[in-house]
């Protein structure tokens, strides 16, 4: 499950950042999050994809499921940026 989940996570980021295919990114990251629920970065990336698409409530719901005190510095910074963007209804830069 872990290798498949990591591959899906990597493809999801690639689909979003390089292809601009947010539907594929959402599907891949959703499957990756199901396969690797303990990996916060996958859920942060999924939340970003949803927020970039204007699906603020869905992205915020994913972020609300994470405890920023249990994230590493990079993840916490991303969490705070995305949380602020979702509350301000401003989409983060791709």
N, C-alpha and C. Protein backbone atom coordinates (compact mmCIF):
# COMPACT_ATOMS: atom_id res chain seq x y z
N UNK A 1 0.83 -1.20 0.00
CA UNK A 1 0.00 0.00 0.00
C UNK A 1 0.87 1.26 0.00
N UNK A 2 1.95 1.24 0.77
CA UNK A 2 2.79 2.43 0.89
C UNK A 2 3.42 2.86 -0.44
N UNK A 3 4.05 1.95 -1.21
CA UNK A 3 4.63 2.40 -2.48
C UNK A 3 3.57 2.97 -3.43
N UNK A 4 2.42 2.33 -3.48
CA UNK A 4 1.33 2.81 -4.35
C UNK A 4 0.87 4.20 -3.88
N UNK A 5 0.71 4.37 -2.58
CA UNK A 5 0.28 5.65 -2.03
C UNK A 5 1.27 6.77 -2.33
N UNK A 6 2.55 6.46 -2.20
CA UNK A 6 3.58 7.47 -2.48
C UNK A 6 3.60 7.84 -3.96
N UNK A 7 3.44 6.83 -4.82
CA UNK A 7 3.39 7.09 -6.26
C UNK A 7 2.19 7.96 -6.61
N UNK A 8 1.05 7.65 -6.03
CA UNK A 8 -0.15 8.46 -6.27
C UNK A 8 0.05 9.90 -5.77
N UNK A 9 0.68 10.04 -4.61
CA UNK A 9 0.93 11.38 -4.07
C UNK A 9 1.83 12.18 -5.00
N UNK A 10 2.90 11.54 -5.46
CA UNK A 10 3.82 12.22 -6.38
C UNK A 10 3.11 12.59 -7.68
N UNK A 11 2.30 11.69 -8.21
CA UNK A 11 1.59 11.99 -9.45
C UNK A 11 0.58 13.13 -9.21
N UNK A 12 -0.08 13.13 -8.08
CA UNK A 12 -1.04 14.20 -7.79
C UNK A 12 -0.40 15.57 -7.80
N UNK A 13 0.78 15.67 -7.19
CA UNK A 13 1.51 16.95 -7.18
C UNK A 13 1.94 17.31 -8.61
N UNK A 14 2.42 16.33 -9.36
CA UNK A 14 2.82 16.56 -10.75
C UNK A 14 1.63 17.02 -11.58
N UNK A 15 0.51 16.33 -11.44
CA UNK A 15 -0.69 16.68 -12.23
C UNK A 15 -1.12 18.11 -11.95
N UNK A 16 -1.07 18.52 -10.70
CA UNK A 16 -1.48 19.88 -10.35
C UNK A 16 -0.47 20.91 -10.82
N UNK A 17 0.80 20.69 -10.49
CA UNK A 17 1.81 21.71 -10.73
C UNK A 17 2.32 21.78 -12.16
N UNK A 18 2.43 20.66 -12.82
CA UNK A 18 3.00 20.63 -14.16
C UNK A 18 1.95 20.54 -15.26
N UNK A 19 0.88 19.81 -15.01
CA UNK A 19 -0.14 19.63 -16.04
C UNK A 19 -1.33 20.56 -15.88
N UNK A 20 -1.51 21.11 -14.69
CA UNK A 20 -2.69 21.94 -14.43
C UNK A 20 -3.97 21.13 -14.45
N UNK A 21 -3.85 19.81 -14.26
CA UNK A 21 -5.01 18.91 -14.27
C UNK A 21 -5.43 18.67 -12.83
N UNK A 22 -6.29 19.55 -12.33
CA UNK A 22 -6.67 19.48 -10.93
C UNK A 22 -7.61 18.32 -10.63
N UNK A 23 -8.38 17.88 -11.60
CA UNK A 23 -9.24 16.71 -11.39
C UNK A 23 -8.38 15.47 -11.17
N UNK A 24 -7.36 15.28 -12.02
CA UNK A 24 -6.45 14.14 -11.86
C UNK A 24 -5.69 14.26 -10.55
N UNK A 25 -5.26 15.47 -10.21
CA UNK A 25 -4.54 15.69 -8.96
C UNK A 25 -5.41 15.35 -7.77
N UNK A 26 -6.65 15.80 -7.80
CA UNK A 26 -7.57 15.52 -6.70
C UNK A 26 -7.80 14.01 -6.54
N UNK A 27 -8.01 13.33 -7.65
CA UNK A 27 -8.23 11.88 -7.59
C UNK A 27 -7.01 11.15 -7.04
N UNK A 28 -5.84 11.48 -7.55
CA UNK A 28 -4.61 10.82 -7.12
C UNK A 28 -4.31 11.11 -5.65
N UNK A 29 -4.44 12.37 -5.26
CA UNK A 29 -4.15 12.73 -3.87
C UNK A 29 -5.19 12.16 -2.91
N UNK A 30 -6.43 12.09 -3.34
CA UNK A 30 -7.47 11.47 -2.50
C UNK A 30 -7.18 9.99 -2.26
N UNK A 31 -6.78 9.29 -3.32
CA UNK A 31 -6.42 7.88 -3.19
C UNK A 31 -5.16 7.72 -2.33
N UNK A 32 -4.20 8.61 -2.51
CA UNK A 32 -2.97 8.56 -1.73
C UNK A 32 -3.27 8.80 -0.25
N UNK A 33 -4.14 9.75 0.04
CA UNK A 33 -4.50 10.05 1.43
C UNK A 33 -5.20 8.86 2.08
N UNK A 34 -6.01 8.15 1.30
CA UNK A 34 -6.67 6.95 1.83
C UNK A 34 -5.66 5.84 2.09
N UNK A 35 -4.66 5.72 1.22
CA UNK A 35 -3.65 4.68 1.37
C UNK A 35 -2.65 5.00 2.48
N UNK A 36 -2.38 6.29 2.69
CA UNK A 36 -1.38 6.72 3.67
C UNK A 36 -1.97 7.82 4.57
N UNK A 37 -2.96 7.48 5.38
CA UNK A 37 -3.65 8.51 6.17
C UNK A 37 -2.77 9.24 7.18
N UNK A 38 -1.65 8.66 7.56
CA UNK A 38 -0.78 9.30 8.55
C UNK A 38 0.16 10.33 7.94
N UNK A 39 0.21 10.43 6.62
CA UNK A 39 1.13 11.36 5.95
C UNK A 39 0.39 12.69 5.74
N UNK A 40 0.68 13.64 6.61
CA UNK A 40 0.00 14.93 6.58
C UNK A 40 0.23 15.69 5.28
N UNK A 41 1.43 15.60 4.72
CA UNK A 41 1.74 16.37 3.51
C UNK A 41 0.79 16.03 2.37
N UNK A 42 0.35 14.79 2.29
CA UNK A 42 -0.59 14.41 1.23
C UNK A 42 -1.90 15.16 1.42
N UNK A 43 -2.39 15.22 2.63
CA UNK A 43 -3.65 15.92 2.88
C UNK A 43 -3.49 17.43 2.69
N UNK A 44 -2.34 17.96 3.03
CA UNK A 44 -2.08 19.38 2.77
C UNK A 44 -2.12 19.65 1.27
N UNK A 45 -1.49 18.79 0.48
CA UNK A 45 -1.50 18.96 -0.97
C UNK A 45 -2.91 18.83 -1.54
N UNK A 46 -3.70 17.90 -1.01
CA UNK A 46 -5.08 17.75 -1.46
C UNK A 46 -5.88 19.00 -1.12
N UNK A 47 -5.70 19.52 0.08
CA UNK A 47 -6.41 20.75 0.46
C UNK A 47 -6.03 21.90 -0.48
N UNK A 48 -4.76 22.00 -0.83
CA UNK A 48 -4.32 23.06 -1.73
C UNK A 48 -5.00 22.94 -3.09
N UNK A 49 -5.08 21.72 -3.62
CA UNK A 49 -5.73 21.51 -4.92
C UNK A 49 -7.19 21.95 -4.85
N UNK A 50 -7.88 21.62 -3.77
CA UNK A 50 -9.28 22.01 -3.63
C UNK A 50 -9.42 23.53 -3.50
N UNK A 51 -8.56 24.15 -2.71
CA UNK A 51 -8.63 25.60 -2.50
C UNK A 51 -8.32 26.34 -3.79
N UNK A 52 -7.33 25.88 -4.54
CA UNK A 52 -6.98 26.52 -5.82
C UNK A 52 -8.17 26.47 -6.78
N UNK A 53 -8.98 25.43 -6.68
CA UNK A 53 -10.16 25.31 -7.53
C UNK A 53 -11.34 26.12 -7.01
N UNK A 54 -11.15 26.80 -5.88
CA UNK A 54 -12.24 27.60 -5.31
C UNK A 54 -13.14 26.80 -4.39
N UNK A 55 -12.78 25.58 -4.07
CA UNK A 55 -13.57 24.72 -3.19
C UNK A 55 -13.05 24.89 -1.76
N UNK A 56 -13.27 26.11 -1.26
CA UNK A 56 -12.68 26.54 0.01
C UNK A 56 -13.16 25.71 1.20
N UNK A 57 -14.44 25.44 1.28
CA UNK A 57 -14.97 24.70 2.43
C UNK A 57 -14.41 23.29 2.48
N UNK A 58 -14.29 22.65 1.32
CA UNK A 58 -13.73 21.30 1.28
C UNK A 58 -12.25 21.30 1.68
N UNK A 59 -11.51 22.25 1.17
CA UNK A 59 -10.11 22.36 1.53
C UNK A 59 -9.93 22.66 3.01
N UNK A 60 -10.75 23.56 3.52
CA UNK A 60 -10.69 23.93 4.94
C UNK A 60 -11.03 22.72 5.82
N UNK A 61 -11.98 21.90 5.39
CA UNK A 61 -12.36 20.71 6.16
C UNK A 61 -11.17 19.75 6.30
N UNK A 62 -10.42 19.59 5.22
CA UNK A 62 -9.23 18.74 5.29
C UNK A 62 -8.20 19.34 6.24
N UNK A 63 -7.98 20.64 6.13
CA UNK A 63 -7.03 21.31 7.02
C UNK A 63 -7.45 21.22 8.48
N UNK A 64 -8.75 21.31 8.72
CA UNK A 64 -9.26 21.22 10.09
C UNK A 64 -9.02 19.84 10.70
N UNK A 65 -8.82 18.85 9.85
CA UNK A 65 -8.54 17.50 10.34
C UNK A 65 -7.09 17.30 10.74
N UNK A 66 -6.27 18.32 10.54
CA UNK A 66 -4.84 18.25 10.89
C UNK A 66 -4.58 19.11 12.12
N UNK A 67 -3.72 18.65 13.00
CA UNK A 67 -3.32 19.42 14.17
C UNK A 67 -1.98 20.07 13.84
N UNK A 68 -1.93 21.39 13.67
CA UNK A 68 -0.68 22.04 13.28
C UNK A 68 0.46 21.81 14.26
N UNK A 69 0.13 21.50 15.51
CA UNK A 69 1.18 21.22 16.50
C UNK A 69 1.91 19.90 16.22
N UNK A 70 1.31 19.06 15.40
CA UNK A 70 1.91 17.76 15.09
C UNK A 70 2.58 17.75 13.71
N UNK A 71 2.66 18.90 13.07
CA UNK A 71 3.27 19.01 11.75
C UNK A 71 4.71 19.48 11.87
N UNK A 72 5.52 19.14 10.87
CA UNK A 72 6.87 19.70 10.88
C UNK A 72 6.78 21.16 10.44
N UNK A 73 7.89 21.88 10.50
CA UNK A 73 7.86 23.32 10.21
C UNK A 73 7.32 23.65 8.83
N UNK A 74 7.77 22.92 7.83
CA UNK A 74 7.32 23.17 6.47
C UNK A 74 5.82 22.91 6.33
N UNK A 75 5.37 21.79 6.88
CA UNK A 75 3.94 21.46 6.80
C UNK A 75 3.11 22.49 7.55
N UNK A 76 3.59 22.91 8.71
CA UNK A 76 2.85 23.90 9.49
C UNK A 76 2.75 25.23 8.75
N UNK A 77 3.82 25.64 8.10
CA UNK A 77 3.80 26.89 7.32
C UNK A 77 2.79 26.78 6.18
N UNK A 78 2.79 25.65 5.49
CA UNK A 78 1.83 25.45 4.40
C UNK A 78 0.40 25.43 4.95
N UNK A 79 0.21 24.75 6.09
CA UNK A 79 -1.11 24.67 6.73
C UNK A 79 -1.63 26.07 7.03
N UNK A 80 -0.76 26.90 7.64
CA UNK A 80 -1.17 28.26 8.02
C UNK A 80 -1.50 29.11 6.78
N UNK A 81 -0.69 29.00 5.74
CA UNK A 81 -0.93 29.76 4.51
C UNK A 81 -2.25 29.35 3.86
N UNK A 82 -2.48 28.05 3.76
CA UNK A 82 -3.71 27.57 3.13
C UNK A 82 -4.93 27.89 3.99
N UNK A 83 -4.79 27.78 5.29
CA UNK A 83 -5.90 28.09 6.19
C UNK A 83 -6.28 29.56 6.03
N UNK A 84 -5.29 30.43 6.02
CA UNK A 84 -5.56 31.86 5.84
C UNK A 84 -6.19 32.13 4.48
N UNK A 85 -5.69 31.47 3.45
CA UNK A 85 -6.25 31.67 2.10
C UNK A 85 -7.69 31.21 2.04
N UNK A 86 -7.99 30.10 2.68
CA UNK A 86 -9.36 29.59 2.63
C UNK A 86 -10.31 30.48 3.43
N UNK A 87 -9.82 31.09 4.49
CA UNK A 87 -10.66 31.99 5.28
C UNK A 87 -10.85 33.33 4.60
N UNK A 88 -9.85 33.77 3.86
CA UNK A 88 -9.93 35.07 3.20
C UNK A 88 -10.55 34.97 1.80
N UNK A 89 -10.86 33.75 1.39
CA UNK A 89 -11.40 33.49 0.05
C UNK A 89 -10.46 33.96 -1.04
N UNK A 90 -9.17 33.83 -0.76
CA UNK A 90 -8.14 34.16 -1.73
C UNK A 90 -7.43 32.87 -2.08
N UNK A 91 -7.31 32.57 -3.37
CA UNK A 91 -6.65 31.34 -3.74
C UNK A 91 -5.14 31.53 -3.72
N UNK A 92 -4.41 30.54 -3.16
CA UNK A 92 -2.95 30.64 -3.12
C UNK A 92 -2.37 30.52 -4.52
N UNK A 93 -1.15 31.01 -4.66
CA UNK A 93 -0.48 30.89 -5.96
C UNK A 93 -0.20 29.44 -6.24
N UNK A 94 -0.34 29.09 -7.50
CA UNK A 94 -0.10 27.70 -7.91
C UNK A 94 1.36 27.51 -7.92
